[in-house]
Amino acid sequence: MPLAHSFSLNLLENADAVLILGKELRRDPCRGLAELKARSAAAAALLRLGVPVAVSLEAPLRGQLDAGSALVARLLAELGVEDGQLLSAQITRSTREEALEAAALARRQGWQRLLVLTAAYHQPRAARYFDALTSLSCTVLAPEALLGQAAPTEADWIRQGLPDARALAAEARVERSFTALARALSPLPQRWAWSLEVGAGALLRGVPRRSGRR
């Protein structure tokens, strides 16, 4: 089951880690940060329930002072999560890249099953990407699925991260664009298509490299 609309303790069985997907802040920094807080709060609840480690992989993105993974690290620390419970790297700039890098990390760590946290509007596309990873079993959850297990502060953060109707409409347009790109590339060999998607994410969202004399 790659996508879950509600939480069940059965989801914890054999879960090796929880991956917190990043969120671009450039278009709406306040709402983007609220969504990252919601995902971090849900991850904190899962760690308390017994998932061994959380993972955050987002690189610095265009128009942001901090990488998403650095923000997640600070948010988890604010919630009382210990340093050793987070694996963090600054390497991804799109959902496709997050899926591929998560699979590579899982191979290195010997992991077989991940829980993945993202917004509900992003769940279907994220589930398609992670379901395509034949080497790894993944279940994609929205933060609100953890409201029943969340501590008071965690629950507040999760509720504050729920997008309103205007935000949902904007995100639906973005999701349609990325889904259309994936469909346009689907006739290509999978490796080429995924590489082009990763490259597009780096071009659109990545921080440009600065040139100059040393």
Foldseek 3Di string as FASTA:
>chain_A
DAEDEADDPVLLVQAQEEEEEAFDCQVPNVLRLLQLLLSLQLRLLSVVVPRQAYEYAAAAWPPDPGTRQVSSVVSNVVVVDDPVRYDYHHDAQDLLRVLVVVLVVCVVVVGAEYEYEGAPLCRVVSSVSNVVSPRHHYHYYYSVSCLVRGDPVSNVSNVSNHDDPVVSVVVNVVVVVLVVLLVVLVVDPPVVSSVVSRVVSCVVINDDDDDDDD
